[in-house]
Amino acid sequence: MLAHATGLQPRDNQYRCAAHLLAQRLVELDTGEGKSVAVALAAGVAALAGAPVHVLTANGYLAGRDAADFAGYYRGLGLSVAAVDETGDDDARRAAWRADVAYAPARLLGFDALRDGLPEATGAPPLLSRGLCVAIVDEADSVLLDEARTPLVIAQARPDPAQRARAWRALDLARRLEPGLEVEIDEAAGTVRMTDAGRAALARAVEAEGAGDGLDARRRADVVGQALVALHALRRDVHYVVVGRAIVIVDATTGRPSPGRQWSRDLQALVALKEGLPVPPATEVRASVTYPRLLARYHHLCGTSGTLRDAARELRTAYGLRVVRVEPARPPRRTRSPTRLFADRHDQFDAVVERAGALAATGRCVLVATDSVAESAALEAHFAARGVAVARLDARHDRDEHRLVARAGDAGRITVATQMAGRGTDIRPAPAALAAGGLHVLSLQHNRSARIDRQVAGRAARQGDPGSVEHWLRVTDSPFDPARLPAGLRVLARLASRCRGGAGWRAAVVAGAWRTCQRWWRIEDRVTRVEALDHDRRWSRRLHFATIRASEKRCQDTVAFL
């Protein structure tokens, strides 16, 4: 049925992956091996058994794409399918959730579940009207781990006439504090804090001018601390973009814009004022939940990704799910060049233009992966200065994603992209590009997680095709800069910075130092996720979260059949 409807003939490893999903496991299947096909096979079986199925994705683009790609397959089985669109109204989302198989971003599921549990929702038709029965999580580690660092929060506007004046004063006071002496900035961890000298300087400034903002000393220090984060930790075209007259947060994991998401407390207003934009209304938290608590409500939870083994223990602890691996259908033909290190961005970009241009001239397609919107724009300008045309895919060009990805495999094509070209992106090299050696991925990213590096590398050499990968790091203006690393890792960074070659023992030193940094950050991120779960538990004691509805209870017998 699937082959007839889509032209895709399922392979043995995709059937095995689907079987593991129906056995309530997490499955590691290499990038390019057709996880979407395996998910569709499992979703079809579960839906035929009578269970409402939710396929949860890392973002709305993947949900819409897969729902459209497999619509004919589901119709052939007599099943309805829909993609839940976060831009749609309540009636449209309610209708989509009622489909036999509903594809949706995981965060939208969380927000709709929270809305159903609010007191004012009592008596109103729920959005998730069929209950939480079966969830299949595509790109499971992104949803279950990376996204789990931040709780999902429902907030509502509240009157606060003094917000703008308070924020202006906080920014003014924060700008007077001297970085390095009165403010400590840890760019690697994304934290900013006042030193004892900074607190003393703040007290003197307030005493000289008078309070003026109606805040006590503790609350004033808190708001000024947030102003310091807005000034020194959050950067335009890295952590957020300006769309029209509004701040749009860029997801740190996917590189995609997140309309509707806001920073908590006064931080959103402070960033808006920093950029000279209108201040959004003040908000207060109504409900909050983390992914572990939300997904525990499903009677049958499973998922797949290309990078799960490294986090198997944490996934078993947080979700109670076992990780299994399914081998690829054909041996990979991916070649990997040694890691290289550059002193600064200018030297690195010069080398990128030369390397990518030479590969494209042979007929290969090239994907250059960057850290941020700002960096992708700077690299595009560097190519343009040399007379080389490139395509750019980042949070400012998300509406063109389908077109840009579809053409990224053309022979001689160079595409500059952020993390948006990572998870779920299927770049298919044209026959001429395959004959020349396939897709070459040149990663300039400094990802905190080695799993994301593996996802980016997985764009090349999929399903036994030829392809190659390189990873180029730089010391300055990156997390590898010794000044931006925790003290225990600075020695490694300084040692690696002396190894400017790209082969032999020098490459081993650079790659080893970077892997050590990533292991350190992995521990930090795990602690952050544990703290988020603790925060959610505290909220659950204060706020009533939606109870399991009768329709969900009826799912138990159906799920047991699977």
Protein backbone atom coordinates (compact mmCIF):
# COMPACT_ATOMS: atom_id res chain seq x y z
CA MET A 1 0.00 0.00 0.00
CA LEU A 2 2.74 2.48 0.93
CA ALA A 3 4.76 1.74 -2.19
CA HIS A 4 1.69 2.19 -4.40
CA ALA A 5 0.70 5.49 -2.76
CA THR A 6 4.13 7.12 -2.40
CA GLY A 7 6.48 5.23 -4.71
CA LEU A 8 8.62 4.34 -1.67
CA GLN A 9 9.24 0.61 -1.20
CA PRO A 10 9.81 -0.08 2.51
CA ARG A 11 13.04 -1.89 3.32
CA ASP A 12 13.63 -4.60 5.91
CA ASN A 13 15.23 -2.22 8.41
CA GLN A 14 12.24 0.13 8.16
CA TYR A 15 9.88 -2.75 8.96
CA ARG A 16 12.07 -3.69 11.94
CA CYS A 17 12.05 -0.08 13.13
CA ALA A 18 8.23 0.03 12.88
CA ALA A 19 7.97 -3.22 14.86
CA HIS A 20 10.12 -1.79 17.65
CA LEU A 21 7.98 1.34 17.71
CA LEU A 22 4.85 -0.76 18.15
CA ALA A 23 6.66 -2.55 21.00
CA GLN A 24 7.00 0.83 22.77
CA ARG A 25 10.72 1.41 22.25
CA LEU A 26 13.00 4.20 21.09
CA VAL A 27 14.80 3.24 17.88
CA GLU A 28 18.09 4.58 16.57
CA LEU A 29 18.00 4.45 12.79
CA ASP A 30 20.75 6.30 10.93
CA THR A 31 19.95 9.54 9.15
CA GLY A 32 18.86 8.92 5.59
CA GLU A 33 17.49 5.44 6.32
CA GLY A 34 13.87 6.52 6.03
CA LYS A 35 12.66 7.09 9.58
CA SER A 36 9.57 8.87 8.25
CA VAL A 37 8.58 5.72 6.35
CA ALA A 38 9.02 3.57 9.47
CA VAL A 39 6.95 6.03 11.49
CA ALA A 40 4.18 5.95 8.88
CA LEU A 41 4.14 2.14 8.91
CA ALA A 42 3.80 2.06 12.70
CA ALA A 43 1.23 4.86 12.76
CA GLY A 44 -0.90 3.07 10.17
CA VAL A 45 -0.98 -0.18 12.17
CA ALA A 46 -1.80 1.61 15.43
CA ALA A 47 -4.57 3.68 13.82
CA LEU A 48 -6.09 0.60 12.17
CA ALA A 49 -6.33 -0.91 15.66
CA GLY A 50 -8.56 2.02 16.60
CA ALA A 51 -6.11 4.12 18.58
CA PRO A 52 -5.81 7.86 17.87
CA VAL A 53 -2.18 8.39 16.84
CA HIS A 54 -0.13 11.54 17.30
CA VAL A 55 3.13 11.76 15.35
CA LEU A 56 5.15 14.39 17.16
CA THR A 57 7.90 16.21 15.28
CA ALA A 58 10.61 18.71 16.15
CA ASN A 59 8.95 21.53 14.17
CA GLY A 60 5.95 22.48 12.08
CA TYR A 61 7.79 22.14 8.77
CA LEU A 62 8.40 18.43 9.31
CA ALA A 63 4.82 17.84 10.48
CA GLY A 64 3.32 19.48 7.39
CA ARG A 65 5.77 17.81 5.01
CA ASP A 66 5.24 14.27 6.30
CA ALA A 67 1.46 14.58 6.58
CA ALA A 68 1.35 15.66 2.93
CA ASP A 69 3.85 13.03 1.73
CA PHE A 70 1.96 10.11 3.30
CA ALA A 71 -1.62 11.35 2.86
CA GLY A 72 -2.27 8.92 -0.02
CA TYR A 73 -0.96 5.98 2.02
CA TYR A 74 -3.28 6.72 4.93
CA ARG A 75 -6.26 7.29 2.65
CA GLY A 76 -5.58 3.90 1.07
CA LEU A 77 -5.90 2.35 4.52
CA GLY A 78 -9.18 4.15 5.09
CA LEU A 79 -7.63 6.49 7.65
CA SER A 80 -7.75 10.26 7.95
CA VAL A 81 -4.56 12.27 8.41
CA ALA A 82 -3.90 15.94 9.18
CA ALA A 83 -1.12 18.28 10.20
CA VAL A 84 -1.90 20.46 13.21
CA ASP A 85 -0.94 23.99 12.20
CA GLU A 86 0.03 26.34 15.01
CA THR A 87 -1.16 29.30 12.92
CA GLY A 88 -4.68 27.89 12.71
CA ASP A 89 -7.56 28.83 15.00
CA ASP A 90 -9.00 26.54 17.69
CA ASP A 91 -11.61 25.00 15.37
CA ALA A 92 -9.00 24.12 12.74
CA ARG A 93 -6.65 22.60 15.31
CA ARG A 94 -9.50 20.69 16.96
CA ALA A 95 -10.45 19.17 13.60
CA ALA A 96 -6.82 18.23 12.90
CA TRP A 97 -6.39 16.55 16.29
CA ARG A 98 -9.49 14.44 15.57
CA ALA A 99 -7.84 12.79 12.54
CA ASP A 100 -6.91 9.12 12.88
CA VAL A 101 -3.27 10.17 12.49
CA ALA A 102 -2.34 13.73 13.49
CA TYR A 103 1.13 15.11 12.74
CA ALA A 104 2.09 18.02 14.99
CA PRO A 105 5.07 19.84 16.53
CA ALA A 106 5.58 18.48 20.04
CA ARG A 107 5.45 21.94 21.58
CA LEU A 108 2.02 22.58 20.04
CA LEU A 109 0.74 19.40 21.65
CA GLY A 110 1.99 20.71 24.99
CA PHE A 111 0.35 24.10 24.65
CA ASP A 112 -2.98 22.64 23.52
CA ALA A 113 -2.92 20.15 26.40
CA LEU A 114 -2.24 22.98 28.84
CA ARG A 115 -5.06 25.07 27.38
CA ASP A 116 -7.46 22.16 27.84
CA GLY A 117 -6.56 22.08 31.52
CA LEU A 118 -7.11 25.76 32.31
CA PRO A 119 -10.11 26.52 34.55
CA GLU A 120 -11.86 28.61 31.89
CA ALA A 121 -11.64 25.62 29.48
CA THR A 122 -14.04 23.62 31.67
CA GLY A 123 -17.19 22.96 29.68
CA ALA A 124 -15.63 24.08 26.39
CA PRO A 125 -14.83 21.56 23.63
CA PRO A 126 -11.27 20.35 24.28
CA LEU A 127 -8.65 20.64 21.57
CA LEU A 128 -7.30 17.15 22.26
CA SER A 129 -10.77 15.67 22.21
CA ARG A 130 -9.76 12.05 21.46
CA GLY A 131 -7.32 11.74 24.36
CA LEU A 132 -3.63 10.89 24.53
CA CYS A 133 -3.37 7.29 23.36
CA VAL A 134 -0.39 6.67 21.03
CA ALA A 135 2.52 9.05 20.47
CA ILE A 136 5.30 8.35 17.96
CA VAL A 137 8.06 10.93 18.37
CA ASP A 138 10.10 11.63 15.24
CA GLU A 139 13.57 13.05 15.96
CA ALA A 140 13.01 11.77 19.48
CA ASP A 141 16.19 13.03 21.11
CA SER A 142 15.48 16.58 19.92
CA VAL A 143 12.00 16.51 21.46
CA LEU A 144 12.68 14.39 24.55
CA LEU A 145 16.05 15.89 25.49
CA ASP A 146 16.94 19.15 23.74
CA GLU A 147 13.46 20.65 24.00
CA ALA A 148 13.02 19.30 27.53
CA ARG A 149 15.46 21.86 28.90
CA THR A 150 12.71 24.49 28.78
CA PRO A 151 9.27 23.89 30.35
CA LEU A 152 6.22 24.65 28.24
CA VAL A 153 4.41 27.61 29.78
CA ILE A 154 0.98 29.13 29.19
CA ALA A 155 0.89 32.81 30.12
CA GLN A 156 -1.70 35.54 29.86
CA ALA A 157 -1.42 39.31 29.58
CA ARG A 158 -1.80 41.30 32.77
CA PRO A 159 -2.01 45.06 33.29
CA ASP A 160 1.33 46.56 34.31
CA PRO A 161 1.46 50.32 33.54
CA ALA A 162 4.90 50.65 35.13
CA GLN A 163 6.55 47.93 33.04
CA ARG A 164 8.04 50.17 30.34
CA ALA A 165 9.43 52.73 32.81
CA ARG A 166 10.84 49.93 34.98
CA ALA A 167 12.50 48.28 31.99
CA TRP A 168 13.96 51.58 30.70
CA ARG A 169 15.49 52.33 34.10
CA ALA A 170 16.86 48.81 34.44
CA LEU A 171 18.54 49.04 31.02
CA ASP A 172 20.00 52.44 31.91
CA LEU A 173 21.45 51.11 35.16
CA ALA A 174 22.75 47.95 33.45
CA ARG A 175 24.57 49.96 30.77
CA ARG A 176 26.52 51.80 33.46
CA LEU A 177 28.05 48.60 34.85
CA GLU A 178 31.47 47.74 33.47
CA PRO A 179 31.87 44.23 31.99
CA GLY A 180 34.75 42.32 33.51
CA LEU A 181 34.88 44.40 36.67
CA GLU A 182 31.29 44.87 37.76
CA VAL A 183 29.69 42.25 35.50
CA GLU A 184 30.86 38.69 34.83
CA ILE A 185 29.82 37.32 31.43
CA ASP A 186 30.01 33.58 30.69
CA GLU A 187 29.11 33.37 27.01
CA ALA A 188 29.55 29.60 26.86
CA ALA A 189 26.92 29.06 29.54
CA GLY A 190 24.87 32.10 28.46
CA THR A 191 24.92 33.62 31.94
CA VAL A 192 25.59 37.13 33.20
CA ARG A 193 25.88 38.18 36.82
CA MET A 194 26.86 41.21 38.87
CA THR A 195 29.98 41.04 40.99
CA ASP A 196 30.19 42.51 44.49
CA ALA A 197 31.65 45.63 42.87
CA GLY A 198 28.67 45.74 40.50
CA ARG A 199 26.15 45.49 43.32
CA ALA A 200 27.93 48.29 45.15
CA ALA A 201 27.94 50.45 41.99
CA LEU A 202 24.23 49.78 41.50
CA ALA A 203 23.48 50.79 45.09
CA ARG A 204 25.45 54.03 44.67
CA ALA A 205 23.62 54.90 41.42
CA VAL A 206 20.22 54.32 43.00
CA GLU A 207 21.15 56.32 46.12
CA ALA A 208 22.38 59.23 44.01
CA GLU A 209 19.26 59.37 41.84
CA GLY A 210 16.61 58.03 44.20
CA ALA A 211 14.58 54.89 43.71
CA GLY A 212 12.20 56.25 41.08
CA ASP A 213 10.90 52.84 40.01
CA GLY A 214 8.93 51.77 43.06
CA LEU A 215 10.97 48.59 43.54
CA ASP A 216 12.69 47.29 46.63
CA ALA A 217 16.43 46.57 46.44
CA ARG A 218 16.01 42.86 45.82
CA ARG A 219 13.47 43.24 43.00
CA ARG A 220 15.53 46.04 41.41
CA ALA A 221 18.65 43.86 41.40
CA ASP A 222 16.62 41.09 39.76
CA VAL A 223 15.34 43.34 36.94
CA VAL A 224 18.80 44.84 36.37
CA GLY A 225 20.17 41.30 36.21
CA GLN A 226 17.70 40.52 33.43
CA ALA A 227 18.71 43.74 31.68
CA LEU A 228 22.32 42.54 31.76
CA VAL A 229 21.23 39.28 30.11
CA ALA A 230 19.38 41.26 27.42
CA LEU A 231 22.44 43.44 26.78
CA HIS A 232 25.26 40.91 26.96
CA ALA A 233 23.91 37.36 26.56
CA LEU A 234 21.13 37.64 23.97
CA ARG A 235 22.35 38.62 20.50
CA ARG A 236 20.32 39.66 17.48
CA ASP A 237 20.40 37.17 14.59
CA VAL A 238 21.76 34.56 16.98
CA HIS A 239 19.24 34.14 19.78
CA TYR A 240 16.46 36.09 18.12
CA VAL A 241 15.52 37.91 14.91
CA VAL A 242 13.48 41.05 14.39
CA VAL A 243 10.45 40.43 12.19
CA GLY A 244 8.46 43.57 11.45
CA ARG A 245 8.24 45.32 14.80
CA ALA A 246 8.49 42.24 16.99
CA ILE A 247 11.10 40.01 18.57
CA VAL A 248 10.96 36.38 17.36
CA ILE A 249 13.02 33.89 19.33
CA VAL A 250 15.25 31.51 17.35
CA ASP A 251 15.19 27.95 18.66
CA ALA A 252 18.69 27.14 19.84
CA THR A 253 18.47 23.50 18.78
CA THR A 254 16.82 23.73 15.36
CA GLY A 255 17.76 27.26 14.29
CA ARG A 256 14.12 27.87 13.36
CA PRO A 257 12.02 30.91 14.32
CA SER A 258 9.53 30.32 17.14
CA PRO A 259 6.63 32.77 16.71
CA GLY A 260 4.58 33.17 19.86
CA ARG A 261 7.34 32.04 22.19
CA GLN A 262 8.46 34.63 24.74
CA TRP A 263 11.09 34.91 27.42
CA SER A 264 9.72 34.97 30.93
CA ARG A 265 9.33 37.86 33.35
CA ASP A 266 10.62 41.23 32.06
CA LEU A 267 13.21 39.83 29.65
CA GLN A 268 11.03 40.07 26.52
CA ALA A 269 10.32 43.75 27.24
CA LEU A 270 14.01 44.47 27.90
CA VAL A 271 15.14 42.93 24.59
CA ALA A 272 12.41 44.85 22.73
CA LEU A 273 13.55 48.13 24.29
CA LYS A 274 17.17 47.32 23.50
CA GLU A 275 16.17 47.01 19.82
CA GLY A 276 13.95 50.14 19.91
CA LEU A 277 10.74 48.14 19.41
CA PRO A 278 7.30 48.37 21.06
CA VAL A 279 7.14 46.67 24.44
CA PRO A 280 4.85 43.61 24.47
CA PRO A 281 2.26 43.35 27.26
CA ALA A 282 3.36 41.98 30.62
CA THR A 283 2.38 38.35 31.25
CA GLU A 284 1.83 35.99 34.14
CA VAL A 285 2.16 32.20 34.17
CA ARG A 286 -1.09 30.22 34.20
CA ALA A 287 0.17 26.68 33.67
CA SER A 288 3.45 24.88 33.04
CA VAL A 289 4.58 21.37 32.16
CA THR A 290 7.72 19.57 30.99
CA TYR A 291 7.86 16.94 28.26
CA PRO A 292 8.51 14.03 30.69
CA ARG A 293 5.32 14.81 32.62
CA LEU A 294 3.29 15.56 29.49
CA LEU A 295 4.30 12.49 27.51
CA ALA A 296 3.84 10.23 30.53
CA ARG A 297 0.10 10.72 29.96
CA TYR A 298 0.25 8.66 26.77
CA HIS A 299 -0.64 5.00 27.06
CA HIS A 300 1.84 4.10 24.31
CA LEU A 301 4.96 6.22 23.77
CA CYS A 302 7.76 5.46 21.32
CA GLY A 303 10.06 7.28 18.93
CA THR A 304 13.00 7.22 16.57
CA SER A 305 16.07 9.29 15.70
CA GLY A 306 19.50 8.88 14.20
CA THR A 307 21.27 9.83 17.44
CA LEU A 308 19.87 8.09 20.52
CA ARG A 309 22.51 5.72 21.89
CA ASP A 310 24.58 8.42 23.60
CA ALA A 311 21.57 9.38 25.73
CA ALA A 312 20.11 5.90 26.29
CA ARG A 313 20.54 5.96 30.07
CA GLU A 314 18.95 9.38 30.52
CA LEU A 315 16.04 8.45 28.25
CA ARG A 316 15.44 5.27 30.24
CA THR A 317 15.47 7.24 33.50
CA ALA A 318 13.26 10.12 32.35
CA TYR A 319 10.78 8.24 30.15
CA GLY A 320 11.16 4.56 31.01
CA LEU A 321 11.89 3.69 27.38
CA ARG A 322 14.53 1.28 26.09
CA VAL A 323 16.76 2.32 23.16
CA VAL A 324 17.45 -0.22 20.40
CA ARG A 325 19.48 0.21 17.24
CA VAL A 326 18.51 -0.90 13.74
CA GLU A 327 21.40 -1.16 11.28
CA PRO A 328 21.31 0.61 7.90
CA ALA A 329 20.16 -1.23 4.80
CA ARG A 330 23.47 -0.61 3.04
CA PRO A 331 26.93 0.16 4.46
CA PRO A 332 27.57 3.93 4.60
CA ARG A 333 30.02 5.41 2.08
CA ARG A 334 30.67 8.61 4.01
CA THR A 335 34.27 9.81 4.17
CA ARG A 336 35.41 12.16 6.91
CA SER A 337 38.35 14.56 6.69
CA PRO A 338 40.37 15.58 9.76
CA THR A 339 39.12 18.41 11.95
CA ARG A 340 40.77 21.75 11.22
CA LEU A 341 41.22 24.77 13.45
CA PHE A 342 41.39 28.44 12.39
CA ALA A 343 42.53 31.47 14.30
CA ASP A 344 39.61 33.72 13.38
CA ARG A 345 36.51 33.97 11.22
CA HIS A 346 38.19 35.82 8.34
CA ASP A 347 40.78 33.07 7.81
CA GLN A 348 38.10 30.41 8.14
CA PHE A 349 35.76 32.08 5.65
CA ASP A 350 38.56 32.54 3.11
CA ALA A 351 39.27 28.82 3.31
CA VAL A 352 35.56 27.96 3.08
CA VAL A 353 35.10 29.97 -0.12
CA GLU A 354 38.12 28.29 -1.68
CA ARG A 355 37.15 24.78 -0.57
CA ALA A 356 33.45 24.99 -1.45
CA GLY A 357 34.17 26.67 -4.77
CA ALA A 358 36.64 23.96 -5.76
CA LEU A 359 34.20 21.18 -4.89
CA ALA A 360 31.32 22.86 -6.72
CA ALA A 361 33.50 23.27 -9.79
CA THR A 362 33.83 19.48 -9.99
CA GLY A 363 30.03 19.13 -10.05
CA ARG A 364 29.48 18.25 -6.38
CA CYS A 365 26.81 19.88 -4.18
CA VAL A 366 28.02 21.51 -0.97
CA LEU A 367 26.26 22.27 2.32
CA VAL A 368 28.04 24.73 4.62
CA ALA A 369 26.57 24.59 8.14
CA THR A 370 26.90 27.72 10.32
CA ASP A 371 26.12 28.58 13.93
CA SER A 372 23.66 31.44 13.50
CA VAL A 373 21.67 33.71 11.21
CA ALA A 374 24.32 36.40 11.56
CA GLU A 375 27.08 34.01 10.58
CA SER A 376 25.21 32.65 7.58
CA ALA A 377 24.65 36.21 6.34
CA ALA A 378 28.33 37.10 6.86
CA LEU A 379 29.47 34.00 4.99
CA GLU A 380 27.06 34.67 2.12
CA ALA A 381 28.56 38.17 1.83
CA HIS A 382 32.06 36.65 1.83
CA PHE A 383 31.10 34.40 -1.08
CA ALA A 384 29.48 37.32 -2.92
CA ALA A 385 32.66 39.39 -2.56
CA ARG A 386 34.50 36.62 -4.41
CA GLY A 387 31.83 36.46 -7.11
CA VAL A 388 30.39 33.12 -5.97
CA ALA A 389 26.60 32.75 -5.76
CA VAL A 390 25.18 30.70 -2.88
CA ALA A 391 21.73 29.91 -1.47
CA ARG A 392 21.03 30.72 2.20
CA LEU A 393 18.70 28.85 4.55
CA ASP A 394 18.15 30.26 8.03
CA ALA A 395 15.44 31.67 10.28
CA ARG A 396 14.98 34.66 7.95
CA HIS A 397 14.33 32.38 4.97
CA ASP A 398 12.20 29.69 6.59
CA ARG A 399 9.31 30.25 4.17
CA ASP A 400 11.58 29.20 1.30
CA GLU A 401 12.82 26.09 3.10
CA HIS A 402 11.13 23.52 0.87
CA ARG A 403 12.41 25.17 -2.33
CA LEU A 404 15.94 25.67 -1.00
CA VAL A 405 16.23 22.10 0.28
CA ALA A 406 14.84 20.71 -2.98
CA ARG A 407 17.59 22.47 -4.98
CA ALA A 408 20.44 21.95 -2.50
CA GLY A 409 21.37 18.67 -4.22
CA ASP A 410 21.85 20.19 -7.69
CA ALA A 411 25.29 19.72 -9.22
CA GLY A 412 27.58 22.67 -8.42
CA ARG A 413 25.13 24.09 -5.85
CA ILE A 414 26.46 25.69 -2.64
CA THR A 415 24.00 26.14 0.24
CA VAL A 416 24.81 28.04 3.43
CA ALA A 417 22.53 27.02 6.29
CA THR A 418 22.08 27.10 10.06
CA GLN A 419 20.81 24.13 12.12
CA MET A 420 17.66 24.26 9.95
CA ALA A 421 19.46 21.96 7.51
CA GLY A 422 19.96 19.38 10.25
CA ARG A 423 17.10 17.29 11.58
CA GLY A 424 14.63 15.90 9.11
CA THR A 425 16.14 17.58 6.07
CA ASP A 426 16.51 15.27 3.08
CA ILE A 427 18.94 16.73 0.55
CA ARG A 428 18.91 14.43 -2.47
CA PRO A 429 21.94 14.86 -4.74
CA ALA A 430 21.21 14.93 -8.45
CA PRO A 431 22.68 12.10 -10.58
CA ALA A 432 25.42 14.40 -11.86
CA ALA A 433 26.33 15.37 -8.29
CA LEU A 434 26.41 11.71 -7.21
CA ALA A 435 28.68 10.88 -10.13
CA ALA A 436 31.07 13.63 -8.98
CA GLY A 437 31.15 12.35 -5.36
CA GLY A 438 27.81 13.33 -3.82
CA LEU A 439 27.03 15.92 -1.17
CA HIS A 440 29.89 17.43 0.82
CA VAL A 441 29.01 18.80 4.27
CA LEU A 442 31.38 21.44 5.61
CA SER A 443 30.36 22.11 9.20
CA LEU A 444 31.49 25.36 10.81
CA GLN A 445 29.21 24.79 13.78
CA HIS A 446 30.29 24.79 17.41
CA ASN A 447 27.43 22.72 18.81
CA ARG A 448 27.18 22.01 22.52
CA SER A 449 25.91 18.54 21.67
CA ALA A 450 27.80 15.92 19.67
CA ARG A 451 24.39 14.54 18.66
CA ILE A 452 23.70 17.68 16.62
CA ASP A 453 27.09 17.31 14.91
CA ARG A 454 26.08 13.79 13.91
CA GLN A 455 22.75 15.04 12.56
CA VAL A 456 24.47 17.64 10.38
CA ALA A 457 27.01 15.11 9.11
CA GLY A 458 24.14 12.78 8.31
CA ARG A 459 22.97 15.03 5.48
CA ALA A 460 25.72 13.46 3.35
CA ALA A 461 26.08 9.88 2.09
CA ARG A 462 22.54 8.73 2.81
CA GLN A 463 21.25 5.28 1.86
CA GLY A 464 24.61 4.11 0.59
CA ASP A 465 25.25 7.14 -1.64
CA PRO A 466 28.75 8.66 -1.76
CA GLY A 467 29.43 11.78 0.29
CA SER A 468 31.92 13.45 2.60
CA VAL A 469 32.10 15.54 5.77
CA GLU A 470 34.52 18.06 7.27
CA HIS A 471 34.35 19.91 10.58
CA TRP A 472 36.20 23.22 10.87
CA LEU A 473 36.50 25.01 14.20
CA ARG A 474 37.90 28.40 15.09
CA VAL A 475 39.30 29.81 18.31
CA THR A 476 38.14 33.43 18.46
CA ASP A 477 34.48 34.48 18.19
CA SER A 478 33.27 30.97 19.04
CA PRO A 479 32.55 28.83 22.11
CA PHE A 480 36.03 27.35 21.62
CA ASP A 481 37.53 30.70 22.61
CA PRO A 482 39.37 30.01 25.93
CA ALA A 483 37.89 33.20 27.42
CA ARG A 484 34.37 31.80 26.88
CA LEU A 485 34.98 28.31 28.30
CA PRO A 486 34.70 27.10 31.91
CA ALA A 487 38.03 27.36 33.71
CA GLY A 488 38.63 23.60 33.63
CA LEU A 489 38.52 23.52 29.82
CA ARG A 490 40.62 26.58 29.01
CA VAL A 491 43.91 24.68 29.04
CA LEU A 492 42.57 22.26 26.42
CA ALA A 493 41.39 25.13 24.24
CA ARG A 494 44.74 26.91 24.44
CA LEU A 495 46.56 23.69 23.57
CA ALA A 496 44.26 23.09 20.60
CA SER A 497 44.69 26.68 19.42
CA ARG A 498 48.37 25.98 18.71
CA CYS A 499 47.49 23.14 16.35
CA ARG A 500 46.70 24.99 13.16
CA GLY A 501 47.19 22.06 10.82
CA GLY A 502 44.45 19.76 9.58
CA ALA A 503 46.04 16.33 9.74
CA GLY A 504 47.88 13.89 11.96
CA TRP A 505 48.31 14.43 15.68
CA ARG A 506 47.24 18.09 15.41
CA ALA A 507 43.78 17.11 14.21
CA ALA A 508 43.54 14.53 17.00
CA VAL A 509 44.35 17.16 19.64
CA VAL A 510 41.76 19.59 18.27
CA ALA A 511 39.03 16.96 17.92
CA GLY A 512 39.77 15.52 21.36
CA ALA A 513 39.64 18.92 23.04
CA TRP A 514 36.33 19.73 21.40
CA ARG A 515 34.80 16.38 22.40
CA THR A 516 35.85 17.06 25.99
CA CYS A 517 34.07 20.42 25.88
CA GLN A 518 30.94 18.75 24.53
CA ARG A 519 30.98 16.13 27.27
CA TRP A 520 31.18 18.93 29.85
CA TRP A 521 28.22 20.74 28.27
CA ARG A 522 26.25 17.48 28.06
CA ILE A 523 26.47 17.21 31.84
CA GLU A 524 25.40 20.86 32.22
CA ASP A 525 22.41 20.32 29.93
CA ARG A 526 21.39 17.21 31.83
CA VAL A 527 21.41 19.19 35.08
CA THR A 528 19.27 21.87 33.40
CA ARG A 529 16.71 19.24 32.36
CA VAL A 530 16.56 17.85 35.89
CA GLU A 531 16.01 21.36 37.25
CA ALA A 532 13.23 21.94 34.70
CA LEU A 533 11.50 18.74 35.83
CA ASP A 534 11.79 19.80 39.48
CA HIS A 535 10.31 23.19 38.57
CA ASP A 536 7.40 21.46 36.86
CA ARG A 537 6.74 19.32 39.91
CA ARG A 538 6.58 22.42 42.08
CA TRP A 539 4.10 23.98 39.67
CA SER A 540 1.98 20.83 39.72
CA ARG A 541 1.45 21.33 43.45
CA ARG A 542 0.11 24.84 42.84
CA LEU A 543 -1.76 24.52 39.55
CA HIS A 544 -4.23 21.88 38.48
CA PHE A 545 -3.04 20.05 35.36
CA ALA A 546 -5.58 18.42 33.08
CA THR A 547 -6.78 15.02 34.29
CA ILE A 548 -7.02 11.99 32.05
CA ARG A 549 -10.30 12.19 30.24
CA ALA A 550 -12.73 9.33 29.83
CA SER A 551 -11.81 9.11 26.14
CA GLU A 552 -8.19 8.48 27.15
CA LYS A 553 -9.24 5.66 29.49
CA ARG A 554 -11.02 3.98 26.60
CA CYS A 555 -7.71 3.96 24.73
CA GLN A 556 -6.16 1.50 27.20
CA ASP A 557 -7.82 -1.59 25.74
CA THR A 558 -6.94 -0.55 22.20
CA VAL A 559 -3.31 0.14 23.05
CA ALA A 560 -3.04 -3.18 24.90
CA PHE A 561 -3.98 -4.87 21.62
CA LEU A 562 -0.88 -3.39 19.97
